[in-house]
N, C-alpha and C. Protein backbone atom coordinates (compact mmCIF):
# COMPACT_ATOMS: atom_id res chain seq x y z
N MET A 1 -80.52 38.33 -5.08
CA MET A 1 -79.21 38.31 -5.69
C MET A 1 -79.28 39.01 -7.04
N ILE A 2 -78.23 39.75 -7.34
CA ILE A 2 -78.18 40.51 -8.58
C ILE A 2 -77.47 39.71 -9.67
N ASP A 3 -77.92 39.93 -10.89
CA ASP A 3 -77.25 39.37 -12.05
C ASP A 3 -76.83 40.56 -12.91
N ILE A 4 -75.54 40.64 -13.23
CA ILE A 4 -75.00 41.77 -13.99
C ILE A 4 -74.33 41.24 -15.24
N LYS A 5 -74.68 41.84 -16.36
CA LYS A 5 -74.03 41.50 -17.63
C LYS A 5 -73.56 42.81 -18.26
N VAL A 6 -72.35 42.78 -18.82
CA VAL A 6 -71.79 43.97 -19.47
C VAL A 6 -71.41 43.63 -20.90
N GLU A 7 -71.88 44.44 -21.81
CA GLU A 7 -71.48 44.32 -23.21
C GLU A 7 -70.99 45.68 -23.66
N LYS A 8 -69.83 45.67 -24.33
CA LYS A 8 -69.27 46.92 -24.82
C LYS A 8 -69.37 46.95 -26.33
N SER A 9 -69.81 48.09 -26.83
CA SER A 9 -69.92 48.30 -28.27
C SER A 9 -69.37 49.69 -28.55
N GLY A 10 -68.17 49.73 -29.12
CA GLY A 10 -67.55 51.02 -29.36
C GLY A 10 -67.27 51.72 -28.05
N ASP A 11 -67.82 52.92 -27.90
CA ASP A 11 -67.58 53.74 -26.71
C ASP A 11 -68.71 53.62 -25.69
N VAL A 12 -69.57 52.61 -25.85
CA VAL A 12 -70.73 52.45 -24.97
C VAL A 12 -70.65 51.13 -24.22
N ALA A 13 -70.84 51.20 -22.91
CA ALA A 13 -70.97 50.00 -22.08
C ALA A 13 -72.45 49.82 -21.76
N ASP A 14 -73.00 48.71 -22.18
CA ASP A 14 -74.38 48.37 -21.84
C ASP A 14 -74.34 47.45 -20.63
N VAL A 15 -74.84 47.95 -19.50
CA VAL A 15 -74.85 47.19 -18.25
C VAL A 15 -76.28 46.75 -17.98
N THR A 16 -76.50 45.45 -18.01
CA THR A 16 -77.84 44.91 -17.75
C THR A 16 -77.86 44.32 -16.34
N VAL A 17 -78.81 44.79 -15.54
CA VAL A 17 -78.96 44.28 -14.18
C VAL A 17 -80.34 43.66 -14.03
N SER A 18 -80.39 42.56 -13.29
CA SER A 18 -81.67 41.92 -13.00
C SER A 18 -81.59 41.28 -11.62
N GLY A 19 -82.74 40.97 -11.08
CA GLY A 19 -82.80 40.39 -9.74
C GLY A 19 -83.03 41.46 -8.69
N GLU A 20 -82.44 41.27 -7.52
CA GLU A 20 -82.55 42.23 -6.43
C GLU A 20 -81.31 43.10 -6.39
N LEU A 21 -81.50 44.41 -6.33
CA LEU A 21 -80.38 45.33 -6.18
C LEU A 21 -80.38 45.77 -4.73
N ASN A 22 -79.38 45.30 -3.98
CA ASN A 22 -79.33 45.68 -2.57
C ASN A 22 -77.89 45.87 -2.12
N ILE A 23 -77.73 46.29 -0.89
CA ILE A 23 -76.43 46.64 -0.36
C ILE A 23 -75.43 45.48 -0.43
N LEU A 24 -75.92 44.27 -0.41
CA LEU A 24 -75.02 43.11 -0.48
C LEU A 24 -74.29 43.03 -1.81
N ASP A 25 -74.89 43.59 -2.85
CA ASP A 25 -74.29 43.54 -4.19
C ASP A 25 -73.75 44.89 -4.65
N ALA A 26 -73.82 45.90 -3.80
CA ALA A 26 -73.42 47.25 -4.20
C ALA A 26 -71.95 47.32 -4.61
N GLU A 27 -71.08 46.64 -3.91
CA GLU A 27 -69.66 46.68 -4.24
C GLU A 27 -69.40 46.10 -5.63
N GLU A 28 -70.06 45.01 -5.95
CA GLU A 28 -69.89 44.40 -7.27
C GLU A 28 -70.37 45.35 -8.38
N LEU A 29 -71.53 45.96 -8.18
CA LEU A 29 -72.07 46.88 -9.17
C LEU A 29 -71.18 48.12 -9.29
N LYS A 30 -70.68 48.60 -8.19
CA LYS A 30 -69.76 49.75 -8.19
C LYS A 30 -68.53 49.43 -9.05
N LYS A 31 -67.95 48.27 -8.88
CA LYS A 31 -66.77 47.87 -9.66
C LYS A 31 -67.10 47.82 -11.15
N VAL A 32 -68.28 47.34 -11.49
CA VAL A 32 -68.70 47.29 -12.89
C VAL A 32 -68.76 48.69 -13.47
N PHE A 33 -69.36 49.63 -12.73
CA PHE A 33 -69.45 51.00 -13.21
C PHE A 33 -68.07 51.64 -13.34
N ILE A 34 -67.20 51.44 -12.36
CA ILE A 34 -65.85 52.01 -12.42
C ILE A 34 -65.10 51.49 -13.64
N ASN A 35 -65.19 50.20 -13.88
CA ASN A 35 -64.54 49.60 -15.04
C ASN A 35 -65.11 50.17 -16.34
N ALA A 36 -66.42 50.31 -16.39
CA ALA A 36 -67.07 50.84 -17.59
C ALA A 36 -66.64 52.28 -17.85
N PHE A 37 -66.56 53.10 -16.82
CA PHE A 37 -66.12 54.49 -16.98
C PHE A 37 -64.65 54.55 -17.43
N GLY A 38 -63.87 53.55 -17.04
CA GLY A 38 -62.46 53.53 -17.42
C GLY A 38 -62.24 53.21 -18.88
N THR A 39 -63.21 52.57 -19.52
CA THR A 39 -63.01 52.13 -20.90
C THR A 39 -64.01 52.70 -21.89
N CYS A 40 -65.07 53.34 -21.41
CA CYS A 40 -66.13 53.83 -22.31
C CYS A 40 -66.54 55.26 -21.95
N GLY A 41 -67.11 55.94 -22.93
CA GLY A 41 -67.59 57.30 -22.71
C GLY A 41 -69.03 57.35 -22.25
N SER A 42 -69.76 56.27 -22.47
CA SER A 42 -71.17 56.21 -22.07
C SER A 42 -71.47 54.89 -21.39
N VAL A 43 -72.29 54.97 -20.35
CA VAL A 43 -72.77 53.77 -19.67
C VAL A 43 -74.29 53.82 -19.70
N LEU A 44 -74.88 52.80 -20.32
CA LEU A 44 -76.34 52.67 -20.35
C LEU A 44 -76.74 51.51 -19.47
N VAL A 45 -77.63 51.78 -18.52
CA VAL A 45 -78.09 50.74 -17.60
C VAL A 45 -79.43 50.21 -18.08
N HIS A 46 -79.45 48.92 -18.34
CA HIS A 46 -80.67 48.22 -18.74
C HIS A 46 -81.17 47.49 -17.49
N VAL A 47 -82.37 47.80 -17.07
CA VAL A 47 -82.94 47.16 -15.89
C VAL A 47 -83.94 46.12 -16.38
N LYS A 48 -83.67 44.87 -16.03
CA LYS A 48 -84.48 43.77 -16.55
C LYS A 48 -84.95 42.90 -15.37
N ASP A 49 -86.23 42.78 -15.19
CA ASP A 49 -86.79 41.92 -14.15
C ASP A 49 -86.23 42.21 -12.76
N VAL A 50 -86.10 43.49 -12.43
CA VAL A 50 -85.64 43.85 -11.09
C VAL A 50 -86.81 43.67 -10.14
N GLU A 51 -86.58 42.87 -9.11
CA GLU A 51 -87.63 42.54 -8.15
C GLU A 51 -87.71 43.55 -7.02
N ASP A 52 -86.54 44.09 -6.65
CA ASP A 52 -86.50 45.01 -5.52
C ASP A 52 -85.21 45.82 -5.60
N ILE A 53 -85.23 47.02 -5.03
CA ILE A 53 -84.04 47.85 -4.94
C ILE A 53 -84.09 48.57 -3.61
N ASP A 54 -82.94 48.67 -2.95
CA ASP A 54 -82.90 49.36 -1.66
C ASP A 54 -82.25 50.73 -1.81
N LEU A 55 -82.30 51.52 -0.74
CA LEU A 55 -81.79 52.89 -0.78
C LEU A 55 -80.29 52.94 -1.12
N PRO A 56 -79.42 52.08 -0.55
CA PRO A 56 -78.01 52.14 -0.94
C PRO A 56 -77.80 51.95 -2.45
N SER A 57 -78.62 51.15 -3.08
CA SER A 57 -78.51 50.95 -4.53
C SER A 57 -78.95 52.19 -5.29
N ILE A 58 -79.98 52.86 -4.80
CA ILE A 58 -80.40 54.14 -5.39
C ILE A 58 -79.26 55.14 -5.27
N GLN A 59 -78.63 55.20 -4.09
CA GLN A 59 -77.51 56.11 -3.88
C GLN A 59 -76.33 55.77 -4.79
N LEU A 60 -76.09 54.48 -5.02
CA LEU A 60 -75.02 54.06 -5.92
C LEU A 60 -75.29 54.54 -7.35
N LEU A 61 -76.52 54.43 -7.81
CA LEU A 61 -76.87 54.92 -9.15
C LEU A 61 -76.66 56.43 -9.25
N CYS A 62 -77.05 57.14 -8.21
CA CYS A 62 -76.86 58.59 -8.17
C CYS A 62 -75.37 58.93 -8.19
N SER A 63 -74.59 58.21 -7.40
CA SER A 63 -73.15 58.43 -7.35
C SER A 63 -72.50 58.14 -8.70
N ALA A 64 -72.94 57.09 -9.38
CA ALA A 64 -72.40 56.76 -10.70
C ALA A 64 -72.70 57.89 -11.69
N HIS A 65 -73.89 58.45 -11.60
CA HIS A 65 -74.23 59.57 -12.47
C HIS A 65 -73.33 60.77 -12.18
N LYS A 66 -73.10 61.08 -10.91
CA LYS A 66 -72.22 62.20 -10.55
C LYS A 66 -70.79 61.94 -11.02
N THR A 67 -70.34 60.70 -10.93
CA THR A 67 -69.01 60.34 -11.42
C THR A 67 -68.92 60.58 -12.92
N ALA A 68 -69.95 60.17 -13.65
CA ALA A 68 -69.97 60.39 -15.09
C ALA A 68 -69.89 61.88 -15.42
N LEU A 69 -70.64 62.69 -14.69
CA LEU A 69 -70.60 64.13 -14.93
C LEU A 69 -69.19 64.68 -14.70
N HIS A 70 -68.57 64.25 -13.62
CA HIS A 70 -67.21 64.69 -13.29
C HIS A 70 -66.21 64.29 -14.38
N LEU A 71 -66.40 63.10 -14.94
CA LEU A 71 -65.49 62.59 -15.98
C LEU A 71 -65.88 63.05 -17.38
N LYS A 72 -66.96 63.85 -17.47
CA LYS A 72 -67.48 64.31 -18.76
C LYS A 72 -67.90 63.12 -19.64
N LYS A 73 -68.57 62.18 -18.99
CA LYS A 73 -69.11 61.00 -19.67
C LYS A 73 -70.61 60.96 -19.42
N THR A 74 -71.29 59.99 -19.99
CA THR A 74 -72.73 59.90 -19.77
C THR A 74 -73.08 58.61 -19.03
N PHE A 75 -74.14 58.71 -18.24
CA PHE A 75 -74.66 57.58 -17.47
C PHE A 75 -76.17 57.74 -17.47
N ALA A 76 -76.88 56.74 -17.95
CA ALA A 76 -78.34 56.85 -18.03
C ALA A 76 -78.98 55.48 -18.07
N PHE A 77 -80.28 55.46 -17.80
CA PHE A 77 -81.06 54.25 -18.02
C PHE A 77 -81.32 54.14 -19.51
N SER A 78 -81.34 52.94 -20.03
CA SER A 78 -81.57 52.74 -21.46
C SER A 78 -83.02 53.04 -21.83
N ASP A 79 -83.93 52.82 -20.92
CA ASP A 79 -85.35 53.07 -21.13
C ASP A 79 -85.86 53.92 -19.97
N SER A 80 -87.15 54.09 -19.87
CA SER A 80 -87.69 54.82 -18.73
C SER A 80 -87.39 54.06 -17.45
N VAL A 81 -87.42 54.77 -16.36
CA VAL A 81 -87.11 54.18 -15.06
C VAL A 81 -88.21 53.18 -14.69
N PRO A 82 -87.83 51.93 -14.41
CA PRO A 82 -88.82 50.91 -14.05
C PRO A 82 -89.60 51.28 -12.78
N ALA A 83 -90.83 50.81 -12.70
CA ALA A 83 -91.72 51.17 -11.59
C ALA A 83 -91.13 50.84 -10.22
N VAL A 84 -90.48 49.69 -10.07
CA VAL A 84 -89.95 49.32 -8.76
C VAL A 84 -88.86 50.30 -8.30
N ILE A 85 -88.04 50.78 -9.24
CA ILE A 85 -87.01 51.76 -8.90
C ILE A 85 -87.66 53.11 -8.65
N ARG A 86 -88.60 53.49 -9.50
CA ARG A 86 -89.29 54.77 -9.35
C ARG A 86 -89.96 54.88 -7.98
N GLN A 87 -90.64 53.84 -7.55
CA GLN A 87 -91.33 53.87 -6.27
C GLN A 87 -90.35 54.01 -5.11
N THR A 88 -89.21 53.33 -5.20
CA THR A 88 -88.21 53.41 -4.13
C THR A 88 -87.64 54.82 -4.01
N PHE A 89 -87.25 55.42 -5.14
CA PHE A 89 -86.64 56.74 -5.01
C PHE A 89 -87.67 57.82 -4.66
N ILE A 90 -88.92 57.65 -5.07
CA ILE A 90 -89.95 58.60 -4.66
C ILE A 90 -90.16 58.49 -3.14
N SER A 91 -90.25 57.27 -2.63
CA SER A 91 -90.43 57.06 -1.19
C SER A 91 -89.26 57.61 -0.39
N ALA A 92 -88.06 57.56 -0.98
CA ALA A 92 -86.86 58.05 -0.30
C ALA A 92 -86.68 59.56 -0.45
N GLY A 93 -87.53 60.20 -1.24
CA GLY A 93 -87.45 61.65 -1.41
C GLY A 93 -86.47 62.09 -2.48
N TYR A 94 -86.12 61.21 -3.41
CA TYR A 94 -85.16 61.56 -4.46
C TYR A 94 -85.80 62.24 -5.67
N SER A 95 -87.10 62.21 -5.81
CA SER A 95 -87.76 62.81 -6.96
C SER A 95 -87.45 64.31 -7.01
N ARG A 96 -87.08 64.81 -8.19
CA ARG A 96 -86.63 66.19 -8.31
C ARG A 96 -87.25 66.88 -9.51
N HIS A 97 -87.37 68.21 -9.40
CA HIS A 97 -87.76 69.03 -10.55
C HIS A 97 -86.52 69.43 -11.34
N ILE A 98 -85.42 69.61 -10.62
CA ILE A 98 -84.13 69.92 -11.25
C ILE A 98 -83.09 68.98 -10.64
N GLY A 99 -81.99 68.79 -11.34
CA GLY A 99 -80.93 67.93 -10.83
C GLY A 99 -80.17 68.60 -9.70
N CYS A 100 -79.21 67.88 -9.16
CA CYS A 100 -78.37 68.42 -8.09
C CYS A 100 -77.42 69.48 -8.67
N SER A 101 -76.60 70.07 -7.82
CA SER A 101 -75.70 71.14 -8.26
C SER A 101 -74.65 70.65 -9.25
N PHE A 102 -74.39 69.35 -9.31
CA PHE A 102 -73.42 68.80 -10.26
C PHE A 102 -74.01 68.65 -11.66
N ASP A 103 -75.32 68.64 -11.75
CA ASP A 103 -76.03 68.31 -13.00
C ASP A 103 -76.23 69.54 -13.87
N LYS A 104 -75.18 69.98 -14.53
CA LYS A 104 -75.26 71.18 -15.37
C LYS A 104 -75.95 70.92 -16.71
N ASN A 105 -76.05 69.66 -17.13
CA ASN A 105 -76.62 69.32 -18.43
C ASN A 105 -78.04 68.76 -18.34
N ASN A 106 -78.65 68.84 -17.16
CA ASN A 106 -80.03 68.36 -16.96
C ASN A 106 -80.20 66.88 -17.31
N THR A 107 -79.28 66.06 -16.82
CA THR A 107 -79.35 64.62 -17.09
C THR A 107 -79.65 63.79 -15.83
N CYS A 108 -80.08 64.46 -14.77
CA CYS A 108 -80.37 63.78 -13.51
C CYS A 108 -81.30 62.58 -13.74
N LEU A 109 -80.94 61.45 -13.13
CA LEU A 109 -81.75 60.23 -13.27
C LEU A 109 -83.13 60.37 -12.66
N TRP A 110 -83.25 61.24 -11.67
CA TRP A 110 -84.48 61.30 -10.88
C TRP A 110 -85.38 62.48 -11.22
N ARG A 111 -85.07 63.24 -12.27
CA ARG A 111 -85.95 64.34 -12.67
C ARG A 111 -87.31 63.81 -13.09
N LYS A 112 -88.34 64.50 -12.72
CA LYS A 112 -89.71 64.03 -12.95
C LYS A 112 -89.99 63.71 -14.42
N GLU A 113 -89.49 64.54 -15.34
CA GLU A 113 -89.78 64.25 -16.74
C GLU A 113 -89.04 63.03 -17.25
N ARG A 114 -87.97 62.60 -16.58
CA ARG A 114 -87.25 61.40 -16.96
C ARG A 114 -87.94 60.15 -16.40
N THR A 115 -88.65 60.31 -15.32
CA THR A 115 -89.21 59.15 -14.62
C THR A 115 -90.70 58.94 -14.88
N ASN A 116 -91.27 59.80 -15.70
CA ASN A 116 -92.69 59.70 -16.00
C ASN A 116 -93.56 59.75 -14.76
N GLU A 117 -93.11 60.49 -13.78
CA GLU A 117 -93.86 60.59 -12.51
C GLU A 117 -95.06 61.48 -12.69
């Protein structure tokens, strides 16, 4: 089960997630991101004590980043990508040297230099 906390400070939404990130909680997390994009220019994701993450959750994070790019906002992890998330996206083939075609500013969450891979 996921635990989500949101704190807003000025134009920044700090979203802290802990527990298991899986498809059962994806809709809740999606709503949090949509709300944050509606009220803030930046969304920082703090990952705290995440035990597991599944592929749909990785895809949701990627989608949130693409949404931010489209809205000319920022979406990023507050710190380096935690090992449990890094291992999941590497296993799923998400590790990249460059971002996707939407990533004109080189802010892709999965770029190797961002993930310390």
